[in-house]
Amino acid sequence: MKKALNITVGILLVIIFGLWLFVFQVRRSEIALVTTFGNPTRILTNAGPYLKWPWPIQRVYTFDQRIQNFQDQLTETQTADGKLLVATVYVGWQITDPRAFYQGFASRLLSDPERASIASAQKILEGVVRNSASSVIGSNQFSDFISTDASQFKMEAIEGEMLAGVEAAVTTNDYGIEMRYLGIKKLELPESSSQEVFKNMQSERAILVSKIQRDGDTAAAKIRTDANSYSAALLADAEAQSKRIRGEAEAEVSRYYTIFDQNPELAEFILKLDALKTSLGKNATLVFDSHTQPFDLLQSTNSAGKR
């Protein structure tokens, strides 16, 4: 019984040792490269167990295929117009070709190539990013980064130029990686240039305020001129209308005067009647001399027509 148990344990140990020698696993977050006698022979991108020959025939290198990121702060960089600027740049990159990545980084680091190669690649990328960012900053004006006028900002285009420069260097050197993103996280001004920048910004703001005031004065003057012109036009039109109405009234009065001249007594009688209508309102009480015109019309007349 004891002998059978020992045999079983031995067989299990042999199986485990054999699996350890001949089987390896690739995780979901990894990408693997198999080398035979030091030469890359197989690339594995899917997760799962795989077979291999034991070392020293074959060796397996696994690399993290997730996006790696870091940020790098540049030293003081001069813009095209001579202003100093410090930019903090963040970067994301990913291993896409484990063969090229191994030949570029892992094969140089024999102690722990899987981990050390990531650090080595990042260190090299930091230099590439720094060179590209410095070159792009040096070819742009300070107002492209910091300005009181939002239309002058070119941040998106500048970040695109930086990324293109890094991608070109990575492709040329065949590092086996691809850049996923690059952006400017923060911009800082050195102490030596902060006061000068603030003065320039204040000056630009003062010029902008002056321009707005001039535009406002011009618009106000135009509004006043238009209002005066419109008012003059209205007054002229009203004057013309009043003259026309006055002329028509005078013509009408002249026509009645002609009729009244033909019968003066009738005209006097009509005028007195109109005056009575005006004076005698509803429930009116009047005290007057009977000889006062036009109330003399109310005097009684005798049969002979005498009053």
C-alpha atoms as a PDB file:
ATOM      1  CA  MET A   1       0.000   0.000   0.000  1.00  0.00           C
ATOM      2  CA  LYS A   2       2.777   2.376   0.935  1.00  0.00           C
ATOM      3  CA  LYS A   3       4.710   1.416  -2.161  1.00  0.00           C
ATOM      4  CA  ALA A   4       1.709   2.162  -4.399  1.00  0.00           C
ATOM      5  CA  LEU A   5       1.301   5.588  -2.752  1.00  0.00           C
ATOM      6  CA  ASN A   6       4.940   6.399  -3.320  1.00  0.00           C
ATOM      7  CA  ILE A   7       4.628   5.415  -6.980  1.00  0.00           C
ATOM      8  CA  THR A   8       1.526   7.605  -7.383  1.00  0.00           C
ATOM      9  CA  VAL A   9       3.227  10.586  -5.772  1.00  0.00           C
ATOM     10  CA  GLY A  10       6.263  10.058  -7.959  1.00  0.00           C
ATOM     11  CA  ILE A  11       4.145   9.914 -11.097  1.00  0.00           C
ATOM     12  CA  LEU A  12       2.363  13.128 -10.108  1.00  0.00           C
ATOM     13  CA  LEU A  13       5.653  14.874  -9.486  1.00  0.00           C
ATOM     14  CA  VAL A  14       6.938  13.744 -12.891  1.00  0.00           C
ATOM     15  CA  ILE A  15       3.745  15.034 -14.548  1.00  0.00           C
ATOM     16  CA  ILE A  16       3.991  18.360 -12.735  1.00  0.00           C
ATOM     17  CA  PHE A  17       7.638  18.720 -13.615  1.00  0.00           C
ATOM     18  CA  GLY A  18       6.890  17.780 -17.214  1.00  0.00           C
ATOM     19  CA  LEU A  19       4.112  20.349 -17.413  1.00  0.00           C
ATOM     20  CA  TRP A  20       6.449  22.951 -15.951  1.00  0.00           C
ATOM     21  CA  LEU A  21       9.026  22.107 -18.607  1.00  0.00           C
ATOM     22  CA  PHE A  22       6.761  21.698 -21.630  1.00  0.00           C
ATOM     23  CA  VAL A  23       3.666  23.840 -20.971  1.00  0.00           C
ATOM     24  CA  PHE A  24       3.257  27.565 -20.444  1.00  0.00           C
ATOM     25  CA  GLN A  25       0.270  29.944 -20.269  1.00  0.00           C
ATOM     26  CA  VAL A  26      -0.442  33.295 -21.855  1.00  0.00           C
ATOM     27  CA  ARG A  27      -2.826  35.566 -19.942  1.00  0.00           C
ATOM     28  CA  ARG A  28      -5.390  37.893 -21.531  1.00  0.00           C
ATOM     29  CA  SER A  29      -3.321  40.958 -20.791  1.00  0.00           C
ATOM     30  CA  GLU A  30      -0.151  39.484 -22.287  1.00  0.00           C
ATOM     31  CA  ILE A  31       1.456  38.876 -25.632  1.00  0.00           C
ATOM     32  CA  ALA A  32       4.143  36.161 -25.886  1.00  0.00           C
ATOM     33  CA  LEU A  33       7.228  35.491 -27.955  1.00  0.00           C
ATOM     34  CA  VAL A  34       8.872  32.060 -28.186  1.00  0.00           C
ATOM     35  CA  THR A  35      12.554  31.892 -29.071  1.00  0.00           C
ATOM     36  CA  THR A  36      14.413  28.795 -30.243  1.00  0.00           C
ATOM     37  CA  PHE A  37      18.115  28.864 -29.420  1.00  0.00           C
ATOM     38  CA  GLY A  38      17.748  32.623 -28.903  1.00  0.00           C
ATOM     39  CA  ASN A  39      16.014  33.363 -32.207  1.00  0.00           C
ATOM     40  CA  PRO A  40      12.349  34.515 -32.265  1.00  0.00           C
ATOM     41  CA  THR A  41      10.219  31.769 -33.846  1.00  0.00           C
ATOM     42  CA  ARG A  42       6.642  32.162 -32.644  1.00  0.00           C
ATOM     43  CA  ILE A  43       4.285  35.007 -31.607  1.00  0.00           C
ATOM     44  CA  LEU A  44       1.246  34.256 -29.449  1.00  0.00           C
ATOM     45  CA  THR A  45      -1.481  36.884 -29.032  1.00  0.00           C
ATOM     46  CA  ASN A  46      -4.382  34.732 -27.751  1.00  0.00           C
ATOM     47  CA  ALA A  47      -4.740  33.746 -24.097  1.00  0.00           C
ATOM     48  CA  GLY A  48      -4.457  30.061 -23.126  1.00  0.00           C
ATOM     49  CA  PRO A  49      -1.989  27.170 -22.511  1.00  0.00           C
ATOM     50  CA  TYR A  50       0.721  26.335 -25.068  1.00  0.00           C
ATOM     51  CA  LEU A  51       3.471  23.698 -25.500  1.00  0.00           C
ATOM     52  CA  LYS A  52       7.177  24.415 -25.779  1.00  0.00           C
ATOM     53  CA  TRP A  53      10.500  22.679 -25.655  1.00  0.00           C
ATOM     54  CA  PRO A  54      12.357  23.089 -22.372  1.00  0.00           C
ATOM     55  CA  TRP A  55      15.207  25.509 -21.909  1.00  0.00           C
ATOM     56  CA  PRO A  56      17.836  25.850 -23.390  1.00  0.00           C
ATOM     57  CA  ILE A  57      16.030  24.824 -26.612  1.00  0.00           C
ATOM     58  CA  GLN A  58      13.143  27.275 -26.294  1.00  0.00           C
ATOM     59  CA  ARG A  59      12.364  30.161 -24.035  1.00  0.00           C
ATOM     60  CA  VAL A  60       9.120  32.162 -23.639  1.00  0.00           C
ATOM     61  CA  TYR A  61       9.003  35.934 -23.147  1.00  0.00           C
ATOM     62  CA  THR A  62       5.671  37.471 -22.124  1.00  0.00           C
ATOM     63  CA  PHE A  63       5.011  41.186 -22.356  1.00  0.00           C
ATOM     64  CA  ASP A  64       2.144  43.286 -21.037  1.00  0.00           C
ATOM     65  CA  GLN A  65       0.084  44.261 -24.067  1.00  0.00           C
ATOM     66  CA  ARG A  66      -2.043  46.790 -22.194  1.00  0.00           C
ATOM     67  CA  ILE A  67      -1.515  50.490 -22.851  1.00  0.00           C
ATOM     68  CA  GLN A  68       1.439  51.824 -20.882  1.00  0.00           C
ATOM     69  CA  ASN A  69       1.473  55.493 -19.899  1.00  0.00           C
ATOM     70  CA  PHE A  70       3.756  58.023 -18.307  1.00  0.00           C
ATOM     71  CA  GLN A  71       4.193  61.780 -18.117  1.00  0.00           C
ATOM     72  CA  ASP A  72       7.359  63.724 -18.660  1.00  0.00           C
ATOM     73  CA  GLN A  73       8.111  67.309 -17.657  1.00  0.00           C
ATOM     74  CA  LEU A  74      10.310  69.188 -20.083  1.00  0.00           C
ATOM     75  CA  THR A  75      13.046  71.567 -19.117  1.00  0.00           C
ATOM     76  CA  GLU A  76      12.623  75.239 -19.984  1.00  0.00           C
ATOM     77  CA  THR A  77      12.004  75.467 -23.719  1.00  0.00           C
ATOM     78  CA  GLN A  78      12.087  78.642 -25.777  1.00  0.00           C
ATOM     79  CA  THR A  79       9.228  79.426 -28.153  1.00  0.00           C
ATOM     80  CA  ALA A  80       9.732  80.878 -31.615  1.00  0.00           C
ATOM     81  CA  ASP A  81       9.337  84.426 -30.258  1.00  0.00           C
ATOM     82  CA  GLY A  82      11.851  83.910 -27.434  1.00  0.00           C
ATOM     83  CA  LYS A  83       9.506  83.191 -24.493  1.00  0.00           C
ATOM     84  CA  LEU A  84      10.377  80.445 -21.991  1.00  0.00           C
ATOM     85  CA  LEU A  85       7.824  77.700 -21.365  1.00  0.00           C
ATOM     86  CA  VAL A  86       7.744  74.453 -19.344  1.00  0.00           C
ATOM     87  CA  ALA A  87       5.305  71.762 -20.526  1.00  0.00           C
ATOM     88  CA  THR A  88       4.247  68.514 -18.850  1.00  0.00           C
ATOM     89  CA  VAL A  89       3.418  65.917 -21.508  1.00  0.00           C
ATOM     90  CA  TYR A  90       1.489  62.655 -20.961  1.00  0.00           C
ATOM     91  CA  VAL A  91       1.928  59.692 -23.305  1.00  0.00           C
ATOM     92  CA  GLY A  92       0.256  56.330 -23.913  1.00  0.00           C
ATOM     93  CA  TRP A  93       1.940  53.494 -25.844  1.00  0.00           C
ATOM     94  CA  GLN A  94       1.427  49.784 -26.482  1.00  0.00           C
ATOM     95  CA  ILE A  95       3.505  46.784 -27.605  1.00  0.00           C
ATOM     96  CA  THR A  96       2.203  45.602 -30.987  1.00  0.00           C
ATOM     97  CA  ASP A  97       5.154  43.607 -32.388  1.00  0.00           C
ATOM     98  CA  PRO A  98       6.799  41.435 -29.675  1.00  0.00           C
ATOM     99  CA  ARG A  99       9.506  40.265 -32.107  1.00  0.00           C
ATOM    100  CA  ALA A 100      10.753  43.802 -32.818  1.00  0.00           C
ATOM    101  CA  PHE A 101      10.278  44.772 -29.155  1.00  0.00           C
ATOM    102  CA  TYR A 102      12.352  41.765 -28.024  1.00  0.00           C
ATOM    103  CA  GLN A 103      15.128  42.514 -30.467  1.00  0.00           C
ATOM    104  CA  GLY A 104      15.116  46.200 -29.520  1.00  0.00           C
ATOM    105  CA  PHE A 105      14.922  45.884 -25.737  1.00  0.00           C
ATOM    106  CA  ALA A 106      14.423  42.454 -24.157  1.00  0.00           C
ATOM    107  CA  SER A 107      17.408  40.714 -25.741  1.00  0.00           C
ATOM    108  CA  ARG A 108      19.749  43.269 -24.107  1.00  0.00           C
ATOM    109  CA  LEU A 109      18.448  42.561 -20.606  1.00  0.00           C
ATOM    110  CA  LEU A 110      19.107  38.925 -19.685  1.00  0.00           C
ATOM    111  CA  SER A 111      18.354  39.133 -15.948  1.00  0.00           C
ATOM    112  CA  ASP A 112      14.595  39.961 -16.155  1.00  0.00           C
ATOM    113  CA  PRO A 113      13.806  40.895 -19.758  1.00  0.00           C
ATOM    114  CA  GLU A 114       9.997  40.820 -19.388  1.00  0.00           C
ATOM    115  CA  ARG A 115       9.908  43.599 -16.763  1.00  0.00           C
ATOM    116  CA  ALA A 116      13.120  45.447 -17.525  1.00  0.00           C
ATOM    117  CA  SER A 117      12.225  45.856 -21.201  1.00  0.00           C
ATOM    118  CA  ILE A 118       9.149  47.956 -20.324  1.00  0.00           C
ATOM    119  CA  ALA A 119      11.265  50.263 -18.183  1.00  0.00           C
ATOM    120  CA  SER A 120      13.952  50.420 -20.864  1.00  0.00           C
ATOM    121  CA  ALA A 121      11.400  51.250 -23.576  1.00  0.00           C
ATOM    122  CA  GLN A 122       9.841  53.971 -21.426  1.00  0.00           C
ATOM    123  CA  LYS A 123      13.220  55.524 -20.748  1.00  0.00           C
ATOM    124  CA  ILE A 124      13.973  55.691 -24.465  1.00  0.00           C
ATOM    125  CA  LEU A 125      10.481  57.042 -25.201  1.00  0.00           C
ATOM    126  CA  GLU A 126      10.969  59.795 -22.652  1.00  0.00           C
ATOM    127  CA  GLY A 127      13.941  61.041 -24.657  1.00  0.00           C
ATOM    128  CA  VAL A 128      11.988  60.789 -27.929  1.00  0.00           C
ATOM    129  CA  VAL A 129       8.997  62.651 -26.459  1.00  0.00           C
ATOM    130  CA  ARG A 130      11.235  65.344 -24.996  1.00  0.00           C
ATOM    131  CA  ASN A 131      12.979  65.950 -28.325  1.00  0.00           C
ATOM    132  CA  SER A 132       9.709  66.087 -30.287  1.00  0.00           C
ATOM    133  CA  ALA A 133       7.983  68.376 -27.765  1.00  0.00           C
ATOM    134  CA  SER A 134      10.933  70.748 -27.570  1.00  0.00           C
ATOM    135  CA  SER A 135      11.106  70.955 -31.351  1.00  0.00           C
ATOM    136  CA  VAL A 136       7.383  71.703 -31.702  1.00  0.00           C
ATOM    137  CA  ILE A 137       7.373  74.279 -28.899  1.00  0.00           C
ATOM    138  CA  GLY A 138      10.374  75.991 -30.460  1.00  0.00           C
ATOM    139  CA  SER A 139       8.559  76.317 -33.796  1.00  0.00           C
ATOM    140  CA  ASN A 140       5.391  77.951 -32.377  1.00  0.00           C
ATOM    141  CA  GLN A 141       4.655  81.373 -30.957  1.00  0.00           C
ATOM    142  CA  PHE A 142       3.978  81.873 -27.250  1.00  0.00           C
ATOM    143  CA  SER A 143       0.442  83.102 -28.077  1.00  0.00           C
ATOM    144  CA  ASP A 144      -0.293  79.661 -29.576  1.00  0.00           C
ATOM    145  CA  PHE A 145      -0.119  78.287 -26.014  1.00  0.00           C
ATOM    146  CA  ILE A 146      -1.194  81.181 -23.753  1.00  0.00           C
ATOM    147  CA  SER A 147      -3.250  84.151 -24.925  1.00  0.00           C
ATOM    148  CA  THR A 148      -6.238  86.301 -23.960  1.00  0.00           C
ATOM    149  CA  ASP A 149      -7.639  85.643 -27.449  1.00  0.00           C
ATOM    150  CA  ALA A 150      -9.168  82.163 -27.627  1.00  0.00           C
ATOM    151  CA  SER A 151      -8.981  82.144 -31.436  1.00  0.00           C
ATOM    152  CA  GLN A 152      -5.161  82.075 -31.263  1.00  0.00           C
ATOM    153  CA  PHE A 153      -4.943  78.801 -29.323  1.00  0.00           C
ATOM    154  CA  LYS A 154      -3.474  75.925 -31.349  1.00  0.00           C
ATOM    155  CA  MET A 155      -3.174  73.340 -28.585  1.00  0.00           C
ATOM    156  CA  GLU A 156      -4.814  70.507 -30.512  1.00  0.00           C
ATOM    157  CA  ALA A 157      -2.643  71.093 -33.583  1.00  0.00           C
ATOM    158  CA  ILE A 158       0.499  71.355 -31.420  1.00  0.00           C
ATOM    159  CA  GLU A 159      -0.274  68.065 -29.665  1.00  0.00           C
ATOM    160  CA  GLY A 160      -0.798  66.482 -33.088  1.00  0.00           C
ATOM    161  CA  GLU A 161       2.627  67.711 -34.235  1.00  0.00           C
ATOM    162  CA  MET A 162       4.280  66.294 -31.129  1.00  0.00           C
ATOM    163  CA  LEU A 163       2.593  62.911 -31.571  1.00  0.00           C
ATOM    164  CA  ALA A 164       3.552  62.789 -35.254  1.00  0.00           C
ATOM    165  CA  GLY A 165       7.204  63.453 -34.358  1.00  0.00           C
ATOM    166  CA  VAL A 166       7.250  60.662 -31.764  1.00  0.00           C
ATOM    167  CA  GLU A 167       5.518  58.216 -34.124  1.00  0.00           C
ATOM    168  CA  ALA A 168       8.069  58.960 -36.849  1.00  0.00           C
ATOM    169  CA  ALA A 169      10.982  58.218 -34.480  1.00  0.00           C
ATOM    170  CA  VAL A 170       9.328  55.006 -33.202  1.00  0.00           C
ATOM    171  CA  THR A 171       8.650  53.772 -36.740  1.00  0.00           C
ATOM    172  CA  THR A 172      12.155  54.615 -37.951  1.00  0.00           C
ATOM    173  CA  ASN A 173      13.818  52.700 -35.099  1.00  0.00           C
ATOM    174  CA  ASP A 174      11.352  49.781 -35.321  1.00  0.00           C
ATOM    175  CA  TYR A 175      10.704  49.522 -31.583  1.00  0.00           C
ATOM    176  CA  GLY A 176       7.691  47.239 -32.051  1.00  0.00           C
ATOM    177  CA  ILE A 177       5.350  49.654 -30.285  1.00  0.00           C
ATOM    178  CA  GLU A 178       2.611  52.092 -31.306  1.00  0.00           C
ATOM    179  CA  MET A 179       1.717  55.441 -29.771  1.00  0.00           C
ATOM    180  CA  ARG A 180      -1.902  55.573 -28.601  1.00  0.00           C
ATOM    181  CA  TYR A 181      -2.129  59.179 -27.427  1.00  0.00           C
ATOM    182  CA  LEU A 182      -0.089  62.220 -26.470  1.00  0.00           C
ATOM    183  CA  GLY A 183      -1.219  65.440 -24.844  1.00  0.00           C
ATOM    184  CA  ILE A 184      -0.054  68.452 -22.882  1.00  0.00           C
ATOM    185  CA  LYS A 185      -1.182  68.122 -19.280  1.00  0.00           C
ATOM    186  CA  LYS A 186       0.162  71.375 -17.881  1.00  0.00           C
ATOM    187  CA  LEU A 187       1.961  74.520 -18.985  1.00  0.00           C
ATOM    188  CA  GLU A 188       4.121  76.514 -16.592  1.00  0.00           C
ATOM    189  CA  LEU A 189       6.019  79.753 -16.831  1.00  0.00           C
ATOM    190  CA  PRO A 190       9.470  80.190 -15.324  1.00  0.00           C
ATOM    191  CA  GLU A 191       9.661  82.800 -12.578  1.00  0.00           C
ATOM    192  CA  SER A 192      11.895  84.935 -14.744  1.00  0.00           C
ATOM    193  CA  SER A 193       9.269  85.385 -17.459  1.00  0.00           C
ATOM    194  CA  SER A 194       6.028  85.338 -15.452  1.00  0.00           C
ATOM    195  CA  GLN A 195       5.950  89.100 -14.794  1.00  0.00           C
ATOM    196  CA  GLU A 196       6.712  89.920 -18.417  1.00  0.00           C
ATOM    197  CA  VAL A 197       3.941  87.593 -19.618  1.00  0.00           C
ATOM    198  CA  PHE A 198       1.429  89.109 -17.218  1.00  0.00           C
ATOM    199  CA  LYS A 199       2.340  92.609 -18.384  1.00  0.00           C
ATOM    200  CA  ASN A 200       1.892  91.558 -21.999  1.00  0.00           C
ATOM    201  CA  MET A 201      -1.475  90.005 -21.187  1.00  0.00           C
ATOM    202  CA  GLN A 202      -2.575  93.192 -19.406  1.00  0.00           C
ATOM    203  CA  SER A 203      -1.455  95.243 -22.387  1.00  0.00           C
ATOM    204  CA  GLU A 204      -3.349  92.970 -24.780  1.00  0.00           C
ATOM    205  CA  ARG A 205      -6.432  93.193 -22.574  1.00  0.00           C
ATOM    206  CA  ALA A 206      -6.202  97.006 -22.457  1.00  0.00           C
ATOM    207  CA  ILE A 207      -5.948  97.120 -26.264  1.00  0.00           C
ATOM    208  CA  LEU A 208      -8.985  94.827 -26.515  1.00  0.00           C
ATOM    209  CA  VAL A 209     -10.985  97.002 -24.095  1.00  0.00           C
ATOM    210  CA  SER A 210     -10.037 100.130 -26.059  1.00  0.00           C
ATOM    211  CA  LYS A 211     -11.135  98.503 -29.300  1.00  0.00           C
ATOM    212  CA  ILE A 212     -14.461  97.468 -27.785  1.00  0.00           C
ATOM    213  CA  GLN A 213     -15.018 101.021 -26.508  1.00  0.00           C
ATOM    214  CA  ARG A 214     -14.216 102.483 -29.932  1.00  0.00           C
ATOM    215  CA  ASP A 215     -16.571 100.040 -31.605  1.00  0.00           C
ATOM    216  CA  GLY A 216     -19.256 100.932 -29.048  1.00  0.00           C
ATOM    217  CA  ASP A 217     -18.803 104.668 -29.624  1.00  0.00           C
ATOM    218  CA  THR A 218     -18.986 104.165 -33.385  1.00  0.00           C
ATOM    219  CA  ALA A 219     -22.145 102.072 -33.072  1.00  0.00           C
ATOM    220  CA  ALA A 220     -23.719 104.648 -30.704  1.00  0.00           C
ATOM    221  CA  ALA A 221     -22.906 107.515 -33.095  1.00  0.00           C
ATOM    222  CA  LYS A 222     -24.467 105.592 -35.982  1.00  0.00           C
ATOM    223  CA  ILE A 223     -27.587 104.876 -33.924  1.00  0.00           C
ATOM    224  CA  ARG A 224     -27.905 108.559 -32.979  1.00  0.00           C
ATOM    225  CA  THR A 225     -27.428 109.641 -36.605  1.00  0.00           C
ATOM    226  CA  ASP A 226     -30.034 107.152 -37.820  1.00  0.00           C
ATOM    227  CA  ALA A 227     -32.449 108.251 -35.064  1.00  0.00           C
ATOM    228  CA  ASN A 228     -31.985 111.937 -35.939  1.00  0.00           C
ATOM    229  CA  SER A 229     -32.519 111.212 -39.632  1.00  0.00           C
ATOM    230  CA  TYR A 230     -35.648 109.208 -38.910  1.00  0.00           C
ATOM    231  CA  SER A 231     -36.951 111.921 -36.538  1.00  0.00           C
ATOM    232  CA  ALA A 232     -36.339 114.624 -39.138  1.00  0.00           C
ATOM    233  CA  ALA A 233     -38.149 112.544 -41.735  1.00  0.00           C
ATOM    234  CA  LEU A 234     -41.134 112.052 -39.404  1.00  0.00           C
ATOM    235  CA  LEU A 235     -41.285 115.765 -38.572  1.00  0.00           C
ATOM    236  CA  ALA A 236     -41.082 116.712 -42.244  1.00  0.00           C
ATOM    237  CA  ASP A 237     -43.857 114.278 -43.092  1.00  0.00           C
ATOM    238  CA  ALA A 238     -46.018 115.556 -40.200  1.00  0.00           C
ATOM    239  CA  GLU A 239     -45.451 119.176 -41.286  1.00  0.00           C
ATOM    240  CA  ALA A 240     -46.447 118.308 -44.834  1.00  0.00           C
ATOM    241  CA  GLN A 241     -49.580 116.548 -43.583  1.00  0.00           C
ATOM    242  CA  SER A 242     -50.517 119.513 -41.363  1.00  0.00           C
ATOM    243  CA  LYS A 243     -50.070 121.943 -44.247  1.00  0.00           C
ATOM    244  CA  ARG A 244     -52.228 119.780 -46.475  1.00  0.00           C
ATOM    245  CA  ILE A 245     -54.968 119.489 -43.829  1.00  0.00           C
ATOM    246  CA  ARG A 246     -54.791 123.232 -43.073  1.00  0.00           C
ATOM    247  CA  GLY A 247     -55.082 124.020 -46.767  1.00  0.00           C
ATOM    248  CA  GLU A 248     -58.072 121.711 -47.171  1.00  0.00           C
ATOM    249  CA  ALA A 249     -59.718 123.301 -44.093  1.00  0.00           C
ATOM    250  CA  GLU A 250     -59.109 126.809 -45.374  1.00  0.00           C
ATOM    251  CA  ALA A 251     -60.575 125.840 -48.730  1.00  0.00           C
ATOM    252  CA  GLU A 252     -63.668 124.433 -47.004  1.00  0.00           C
ATOM    253  CA  VAL A 253     -64.027 127.566 -44.844  1.00  0.00           C
ATOM    254  CA  SER A 254     -63.660 129.747 -47.905  1.00  0.00           C
ATOM    255  CA  ARG A 255     -66.502 127.846 -49.571  1.00  0.00           C
ATOM    256  CA  TYR A 256     -68.800 128.449 -46.577  1.00  0.00           C
ATOM    257  CA  TYR A 257     -67.797 132.117 -46.411  1.00  0.00           C
ATOM    258  CA  THR A 258     -68.906 132.492 -50.025  1.00  0.00           C
ATOM    259  CA  ILE A 259     -72.328 131.061 -49.149  1.00  0.00           C
ATOM    260  CA  PHE A 260     -72.594 133.247 -46.034  1.00  0.00           C
ATOM    261  CA  ASP A 261     -71.735 136.367 -48.061  1.00  0.00           C
ATOM    262  CA  GLN A 262     -74.790 135.694 -50.211  1.00  0.00           C
ATOM    263  CA  ASN A 263     -77.133 135.696 -47.106  1.00  0.00           C
ATOM    264  CA  PRO A 264     -75.535 137.425 -44.090  1.00  0.00           C
ATOM    265  CA  GLU A 265     -78.673 137.173 -41.905  1.00  0.00           C
ATOM    266  CA  LEU A 266     -78.855 133.388 -42.393  1.00  0.00           C
ATOM    267  CA  ALA A 267     -75.146 133.058 -41.575  1.00  0.00           C
ATOM    268  CA  GLU A 268     -75.603 135.085 -38.381  1.00  0.00           C
ATOM    269  CA  PHE A 269     -78.595 132.965 -37.384  1.00  0.00           C
ATOM    270  CA  ILE A 270     -76.704 129.674 -37.953  1.00  0.00           C
ATOM    271  CA  LEU A 271     -73.723 130.897 -35.947  1.00  0.00           C
ATOM    272  CA  LYS A 272     -75.996 131.884 -33.033  1.00  0.00           C
ATOM    273  CA  LEU A 273     -77.653 128.445 -33.129  1.00  0.00           C
ATOM    274  CA  ASP A 274     -74.303 126.735 -33.003  1.00  0.00           C
ATOM    275  CA  ALA A 275     -73.290 128.883 -30.042  1.00  0.00           C
ATOM    276  CA  LEU A 276     -76.537 128.002 -28.240  1.00  0.00           C
ATOM    277  CA  LYS A 277     -75.943 124.285 -28.795  1.00  0.00           C
ATOM    278  CA  THR A 278     -72.514 124.658 -27.317  1.00  0.00           C
ATOM    279  CA  SER A 279     -73.643 126.684 -24.302  1.00  0.00           C
ATOM    280  CA  LEU A 280     -76.800 124.783 -23.373  1.00  0.00           C
ATOM    281  CA  GLY A 281     -75.680 121.389 -22.167  1.00  0.00           C
ATOM    282  CA  LYS A 282     -77.880 118.813 -20.453  1.00  0.00           C
ATOM    283  CA  ASN A 283     -79.640 120.175 -17.306  1.00  0.00           C
ATOM    284  CA  ALA A 284     -77.896 123.566 -17.783  1.00  0.00           C
ATOM    285  CA  THR A 285     -79.051 126.606 -15.782  1.00  0.00           C
ATOM    286  CA  LEU A 286     -78.118 129.967 -17.207  1.00  0.00           C
ATOM    287  CA  VAL A 287     -78.643 133.542 -15.950  1.00  0.00           C
ATOM    288  CA  PHE A 288     -78.136 136.150 -18.666  1.00  0.00           C
ATOM    289  CA  ASP A 289     -79.418 139.370 -20.170  1.00  0.00           C
ATOM    290  CA  SER A 290     -81.954 138.708 -22.889  1.00  0.00           C
ATOM    291  CA  HIS A 291     -80.163 141.099 -25.184  1.00  0.00           C
ATOM    292  CA  THR A 292     -76.912 139.126 -24.929  1.00  0.00           C
ATOM    293  CA  GLN A 293     -76.024 137.303 -28.113  1.00  0.00           C
ATOM    294  CA  PRO A 294     -76.718 134.582 -29.030  1.00  0.00           C
ATOM    295  CA  PHE A 295     -79.366 134.267 -26.316  1.00  0.00           C
ATOM    296  CA  ASP A 296     -81.396 137.018 -27.901  1.00  0.00           C
ATOM    297  CA  LEU A 297     -82.813 134.255 -30.128  1.00  0.00           C
ATOM    298  CA  LEU A 298     -84.770 132.992 -27.138  1.00  0.00           C
ATOM    299  CA  GLN A 299     -86.791 136.252 -26.813  1.00  0.00           C
ATOM    300  CA  SER A 300     -90.474 135.846 -27.682  1.00  0.00           C
ATOM    301  CA  THR A 301     -91.776 137.563 -30.783  1.00  0.00           C
ATOM    302  CA  ASN A 302     -95.158 139.222 -31.294  1.00  0.00           C
ATOM    303  CA  SER A 303     -97.518 138.402 -34.078  1.00  0.00           C
ATOM    304  CA  ALA A 304     -96.039 141.114 -36.166  1.00  0.00           C
ATOM    305  CA  GLY A 305     -92.679 139.548 -35.856  1.00  0.00           C
ATOM    306  CA  LYS A 306     -91.409 142.091 -33.344  1.00  0.00           C
ATOM    307  CA  ARG A 307     -89.421 140.904 -30.373  1.00  0.00           C
END
